[in-house]
Amino acid sequence: MSDEDRLRPHEVIDCIDCGGRAHLLTKPREDGRWEPGDVVAYRCEDCLDRWDLVLPDPDDV
């Protein structure tokens, strides 16, 4: 798996608060790439909580 694939955020994650499905809101930059340190936002379809996560450096994972 390439670093680029490892950096790509999941389209859907589990909501920490309610266990529902939180969907990715953030789009990649114009070149389609994700970089370590990019902040990605998710919104839960059940409780409507928003989650902002920082993409880790693949070497740290």
PDB file of N, CA and C in Angstrom:
ATOM      1  N   MET A   1       0.849  -1.172   0.000  1.00  0.00           N
ATOM      2  CA  MET A   1       0.000   0.000   0.000  1.00  0.00           C
ATOM      3  C   MET A   1       0.899   1.241   0.000  1.00  0.00           C
ATOM      4  N   SER A   2       0.604   2.182  -0.876  1.00  0.00           N
ATOM      5  CA  SER A   2       1.412   3.400  -0.981  1.00  0.00           C
ATOM      6  C   SER A   2       1.063   4.371   0.144  1.00  0.00           C
ATOM      7  N   ASP A   3       1.967   5.328   0.399  1.00  0.00           N
ATOM      8  CA  ASP A   3       1.700   6.359   1.407  1.00  0.00           C
ATOM      9  C   ASP A   3       0.450   7.142   1.050  1.00  0.00           C
ATOM     10  N   GLU A   4       0.256   7.375  -0.244  1.00  0.00           N
ATOM     11  CA  GLU A   4      -0.923   8.122  -0.691  1.00  0.00           C
ATOM     12  C   GLU A   4      -2.204   7.383  -0.309  1.00  0.00           C
ATOM     13  N   ASP A   5      -2.214   6.056  -0.473  1.00  0.00           N
ATOM     14  CA  ASP A   5      -3.387   5.264  -0.092  1.00  0.00           C
ATOM     15  C   ASP A   5      -3.580   5.273   1.419  1.00  0.00           C
ATOM     16  N   ARG A   6      -2.476   5.246   2.166  1.00  0.00           N
ATOM     17  CA  ARG A   6      -2.575   5.231   3.624  1.00  0.00           C
ATOM     18  C   ARG A   6      -3.045   6.568   4.173  1.00  0.00           C
ATOM     19  N   LEU A   7      -2.816   7.642   3.438  1.00  0.00           N
ATOM     20  CA  LEU A   7      -3.250   8.970   3.876  1.00  0.00           C
ATOM     21  C   LEU A   7      -4.706   9.253   3.548  1.00  0.00           C
ATOM     22  N   ARG A   8      -5.250   8.563   2.566  1.00  0.00           N
ATOM     23  CA  ARG A   8      -6.629   8.830   2.144  1.00  0.00           C
ATOM     24  C   ARG A   8      -7.574   8.520   3.304  1.00  0.00           C
ATOM     25  N   PRO A   9      -8.357   9.511   3.741  1.00  0.00           N
ATOM     26  CA  PRO A   9      -9.268   9.265   4.863  1.00  0.00           C
ATOM     27  C   PRO A   9     -10.422   8.357   4.450  1.00  0.00           C
ATOM     28  N   HIS A  10     -10.959   7.648   5.418  1.00  0.00           N
ATOM     29  CA  HIS A  10     -12.125   6.800   5.172  1.00  0.00           C
ATOM     30  C   HIS A  10     -13.319   7.686   4.850  1.00  0.00           C
ATOM     31  N   GLU A  11     -14.180   7.227   3.977  1.00  0.00           N
ATOM     32  CA  GLU A  11     -15.390   7.973   3.624  1.00  0.00           C
ATOM     33  C   GLU A  11     -16.388   8.008   4.785  1.00  0.00           C
ATOM     34  N   VAL A  12     -16.427   6.930   5.575  1.00  0.00           N
ATOM     35  CA  VAL A  12     -17.349   6.822   6.710  1.00  0.00           C
ATOM     36  C   VAL A  12     -16.580   6.249   7.895  1.00  0.00           C
ATOM     37  N   ILE A  13     -16.788   6.849   9.074  1.00  0.00           N
ATOM     38  CA  ILE A  13     -16.206   6.325  10.315  1.00  0.00           C
ATOM     39  C   ILE A  13     -17.326   6.162  11.334  1.00  0.00           C
ATOM     40  N   ASP A  14     -17.031   5.455  12.424  1.00  0.00           N
ATOM     41  CA  ASP A  14     -17.985   5.323  13.517  1.00  0.00           C
ATOM     42  C   ASP A  14     -17.930   6.574  14.386  1.00  0.00           C
ATOM     43  N   CYS A  15     -19.092   7.109  14.715  1.00  0.00           N
ATOM     44  CA  CYS A  15     -19.174   8.264  15.597  1.00  0.00           C
ATOM     45  C   CYS A  15     -18.760   7.846  17.004  1.00  0.00           C
ATOM     46  N   ILE A  16     -17.889   8.614  17.608  1.00  0.00           N
ATOM     47  CA  ILE A  16     -17.409   8.309  18.954  1.00  0.00           C
ATOM     48  C   ILE A  16     -18.530   8.457  19.978  1.00  0.00           C
ATOM     49  N   ASP A  17     -19.427   9.417  19.782  1.00  0.00           N
ATOM     50  CA  ASP A  17     -20.479   9.691  20.760  1.00  0.00           C
ATOM     51  C   ASP A  17     -21.617   8.679  20.723  1.00  0.00           C
ATOM     52  N   CYS A  18     -22.152   8.410  19.533  1.00  0.00           N
ATOM     53  CA  CYS A  18     -23.368   7.597  19.486  1.00  0.00           C
ATOM     54  C   CYS A  18     -23.210   6.262  18.751  1.00  0.00           C
ATOM     55  N   GLY A  19     -22.073   6.057  18.086  1.00  0.00           N
ATOM     56  CA  GLY A  19     -21.871   4.813  17.344  1.00  0.00           C
ATOM     57  C   GLY A  19     -22.472   4.833  15.953  1.00  0.00           C
ATOM     58  N   GLY A  20     -23.066   5.973  15.561  1.00  0.00           N
ATOM     59  CA  GLY A  20     -23.649   6.095  14.226  1.00  0.00           C
ATOM     60  C   GLY A  20     -22.577   6.214  13.152  1.00  0.00           C
ATOM     61  N   ARG A  21     -23.007   6.524  11.954  1.00  0.00           N
ATOM     62  CA  ARG A  21     -22.092   6.644  10.814  1.00  0.00           C
ATOM     63  C   ARG A  21     -21.784   8.119  10.574  1.00  0.00           C
ATOM     64  N   ALA A  22     -20.498   8.454  10.622  1.00  0.00           N
ATOM     65  CA  ALA A  22     -20.062   9.828  10.363  1.00  0.00           C
ATOM     66  C   ALA A  22     -19.416   9.868   8.986  1.00  0.00           C
ATOM     67  N   HIS A  23     -19.888  10.765   8.138  1.00  0.00           N
ATOM     68  CA  HIS A  23     -19.448  10.846   6.751  1.00  0.00           C
ATOM     69  C   HIS A  23     -18.426  11.967   6.552  1.00  0.00           C
ATOM     70  N   LEU A  24     -17.465  11.707   5.699  1.00  0.00           N
ATOM     71  CA  LEU A  24     -16.420  12.674   5.376  1.00  0.00           C
ATOM     72  C   LEU A  24     -17.023  13.887   4.682  1.00  0.00           C
ATOM     73  N   LEU A  25     -16.704  15.082   5.191  1.00  0.00           N
ATOM     74  CA  LEU A  25     -17.165  16.330   4.596  1.00  0.00           C
ATOM     75  C   LEU A  25     -16.076  16.984   3.743  1.00  0.00           C
ATOM     76  N   THR A  26     -14.832  16.769   4.107  1.00  0.00           N
ATOM     77  CA  THR A  26     -13.698  17.453   3.491  1.00  0.00           C
ATOM     78  C   THR A  26     -13.338  16.823   2.151  1.00  0.00           C
ATOM     79  N   LYS A  27     -13.060  17.668   1.193  1.00  0.00           N
ATOM     80  CA  LYS A  27     -12.603  17.227  -0.127  1.00  0.00           C
ATOM     81  C   LYS A  27     -11.082  17.373  -0.194  1.00  0.00           C
ATOM     82  N   PRO A  28     -10.426  16.546  -1.012  1.00  0.00           N
ATOM     83  CA  PRO A  28      -8.974  16.720  -1.162  1.00  0.00           C
ATOM     84  C   PRO A  28      -8.656  18.020  -1.888  1.00  0.00           C
ATOM     85  N   ARG A  29      -7.398  18.437  -1.803  1.00  0.00           N
ATOM     86  CA  ARG A  29      -6.996  19.655  -2.531  1.00  0.00           C
ATOM     87  C   ARG A  29      -7.145  19.420  -4.031  1.00  0.00           C
ATOM     88  N   GLU A  30      -6.947  20.439  -4.813  1.00  0.00           N
ATOM     89  CA  GLU A  30      -7.209  20.377  -6.260  1.00  0.00           C
ATOM     90  C   GLU A  30      -6.447  19.263  -6.965  1.00  0.00           C
ATOM     91  N   ASP A  31      -5.249  18.932  -6.491  1.00  0.00           N
ATOM     92  CA  ASP A  31      -4.473  17.869  -7.137  1.00  0.00           C
ATOM     93  C   ASP A  31      -4.906  16.480  -6.682  1.00  0.00           C
ATOM     94  N   GLY A  32      -5.915  16.410  -5.802  1.00  0.00           N
ATOM     95  CA  GLY A  32      -6.459  15.128  -5.355  1.00  0.00           C
ATOM     96  C   GLY A  32      -5.654  14.458  -4.267  1.00  0.00           C
ATOM     97  N   ARG A  33      -4.644  15.138  -3.756  1.00  0.00           N
ATOM     98  CA  ARG A  33      -3.756  14.529  -2.763  1.00  0.00           C
ATOM     99  C   ARG A  33      -4.137  14.936  -1.344  1.00  0.00           C
ATOM    100  N   TRP A  34      -3.795  14.054  -0.423  1.00  0.00           N
ATOM    101  CA  TRP A  34      -3.912  14.315   1.008  1.00  0.00           C
ATOM    102  C   TRP A  34      -2.499  14.368   1.561  1.00  0.00           C
ATOM    103  N   GLU A  35      -2.272  15.217   2.548  1.00  0.00           N
ATOM    104  CA  GLU A  35      -0.949  15.370   3.148  1.00  0.00           C
ATOM    105  C   GLU A  35      -1.039  15.152   4.651  1.00  0.00           C
ATOM    106  N   PRO A  36       0.052  14.649   5.273  1.00  0.00           N
ATOM    107  CA  PRO A  36       0.057  14.555   6.733  1.00  0.00           C
ATOM    108  C   PRO A  36      -0.217  15.939   7.329  1.00  0.00           C
ATOM    109  N   GLY A  37      -1.028  15.972   8.362  1.00  0.00           N
ATOM    110  CA  GLY A  37      -1.380  17.234   9.003  1.00  0.00           C
ATOM    111  C   GLY A  37      -2.648  17.859   8.462  1.00  0.00           C
ATOM    112  N   ASP A  38      -3.166  17.351   7.322  1.00  0.00           N
ATOM    113  CA  ASP A  38      -4.447  17.859   6.815  1.00  0.00           C
ATOM    114  C   ASP A  38      -5.539  17.574   7.846  1.00  0.00           C
ATOM    115  N   VAL A  39      -6.415  18.540   8.042  1.00  0.00           N
ATOM    116  CA  VAL A  39      -7.558  18.364   8.931  1.00  0.00           C
ATOM    117  C   VAL A  39      -8.752  17.954   8.085  1.00  0.00           C
ATOM    118  N   VAL A  40      -9.393  16.861   8.473  1.00  0.00           N
ATOM    119  CA  VAL A  40     -10.577  16.377   7.761  1.00  0.00           C
ATOM    120  C   VAL A  40     -11.759  16.398   8.721  1.00  0.00           C
ATOM    121  N   ALA A  41     -12.924  16.756   8.203  1.00  0.00           N
ATOM    122  CA  ALA A  41     -14.125  16.873   9.019  1.00  0.00           C
ATOM    123  C   ALA A  41     -15.120  15.776   8.644  1.00  0.00           C
ATOM    124  N   TYR A  42     -15.797  15.277   9.664  1.00  0.00           N
ATOM    125  CA  TYR A  42     -16.850  14.277   9.502  1.00  0.00           C
ATOM    126  C   TYR A  42     -18.099  14.777  10.215  1.00  0.00           C
ATOM    127  N   ARG A  43     -19.269  14.382   9.716  1.00  0.00           N
ATOM    128  CA  ARG A  43     -20.542  14.714  10.369  1.00  0.00           C
ATOM    129  C   ARG A  43     -21.319  13.414  10.553  1.00  0.00           C
ATOM    130  N   CYS A  44     -21.804  13.190  11.774  1.00  0.00           N
ATOM    131  CA  CYS A  44     -22.577  11.986  12.077  1.00  0.00           C
ATOM    132  C   CYS A  44     -24.002  12.152  11.560  1.00  0.00           C
ATOM    133  N   GLU A  45     -24.494  11.131  10.883  1.00  0.00           N
ATOM    134  CA  GLU A  45     -25.855  11.193  10.331  1.00  0.00           C
ATOM    135  C   GLU A  45     -26.918  11.012  11.410  1.00  0.00           C
ATOM    136  N   ASP A  46     -26.546  10.497  12.569  1.00  0.00           N
ATOM    137  CA  ASP A  46     -27.533  10.260  13.631  1.00  0.00           C
ATOM    138  C   ASP A  46     -27.601  11.415  14.631  1.00  0.00           C
ATOM    139  N   CYS A  47     -26.473  11.751  15.258  1.00  0.00           N
ATOM    140  CA  CYS A  47     -26.497  12.784  16.301  1.00  0.00           C
ATOM    141  C   CYS A  47     -26.035  14.150  15.780  1.00  0.00           C
ATOM    142  N   LEU A  48     -25.576  14.200  14.527  1.00  0.00           N
ATOM    143  CA  LEU A  48     -25.136  15.422  13.856  1.00  0.00           C
ATOM    144  C   LEU A  48     -23.871  16.045  14.443  1.00  0.00           C
ATOM    145  N   ASP A  49     -23.170  15.303  15.321  1.00  0.00           N
ATOM    146  CA  ASP A  49     -21.886  15.802  15.822  1.00  0.00           C
ATOM    147  C   ASP A  49     -20.895  15.898  14.678  1.00  0.00           C
ATOM    148  N   ARG A  50     -19.997  16.866  14.811  1.00  0.00           N
ATOM    149  CA  ARG A  50     -18.926  17.034  13.827  1.00  0.00           C
ATOM    150  C   ARG A  50     -17.616  16.620  14.475  1.00  0.00           C
ATOM    151  N   TRP A  51     -16.797  15.921  13.706  1.00  0.00           N
ATOM    152  CA  TRP A  51     -15.490  15.479  14.168  1.00  0.00           C
ATOM    153  C   TRP A  51     -14.435  16.017  13.220  1.00  0.00           C
ATOM    154  N   ASP A  52     -13.432  16.700  13.769  1.00  0.00           N
ATOM    155  CA  ASP A  52     -12.290  17.188  13.003  1.00  0.00           C
ATOM    156  C   ASP A  52     -11.084  16.367  13.400  1.00  0.00           C
ATOM    157  N   LEU A  53     -10.503  15.664  12.444  1.00  0.00           N
ATOM    158  CA  LEU A  53      -9.369  14.783  12.689  1.00  0.00           C
ATOM    159  C   LEU A  53      -8.181  15.220  11.858  1.00  0.00           C
ATOM    160  N   VAL A  54      -6.984  15.006  12.385  1.00  0.00           N
ATOM    161  CA  VAL A  54      -5.743  15.337  11.684  1.00  0.00           C
ATOM    162  C   VAL A  54      -5.176  14.063  11.075  1.00  0.00           C
ATOM    163  N   LEU A  55      -4.852  14.108   9.769  1.00  0.00           N
ATOM    164  CA  LEU A  55      -4.260  12.941   9.127  1.00  0.00           C
ATOM    165  C   LEU A  55      -2.842  12.761   9.637  1.00  0.00           C
ATOM    166  N   PRO A  56      -2.518  11.554  10.087  1.00  0.00           N
ATOM    167  CA  PRO A  56      -1.185  11.312  10.635  1.00  0.00           C
ATOM    168  C   PRO A  56      -0.147  11.123   9.540  1.00  0.00           C
ATOM    169  N   ASP A  57       1.095  11.252   9.910  1.00  0.00           N
ATOM    170  CA  ASP A  57       2.207  10.915   9.018  1.00  0.00           C
ATOM    171  C   ASP A  57       2.245   9.393   8.917  1.00  0.00           C
ATOM    172  N   PRO A  58       2.285   8.820   7.703  1.00  0.00           N
ATOM    173  CA  PRO A  58       2.283   7.355   7.566  1.00  0.00           C
ATOM    174  C   PRO A  58       3.436   6.685   8.308  1.00  0.00           C
ATOM    175  N   ASP A  59       4.541   7.398   8.503  1.00  0.00           N
ATOM    176  CA  ASP A  59       5.666   6.810   9.241  1.00  0.00           C
ATOM    177  C   ASP A  59       5.380   6.679  10.722  1.00  0.00           C
ATOM    178  N   ASP A  60       4.388   7.432  11.233  1.00  0.00           N
ATOM    179  CA  ASP A  60       4.041   7.388  12.650  1.00  0.00           C
ATOM    180  C   ASP A  60       2.959   6.373  12.954  1.00  0.00           C
ATOM    181  N   VAL A  61       2.358   5.784  11.935  1.00  0.00           N
ATOM    182  CA  VAL A  61       1.234   4.862  12.126  1.00  0.00           C
ATOM    183  C   VAL A  61       1.749   3.453  12.256  1.00  0.00           C
TER     184      VAL A  61
END
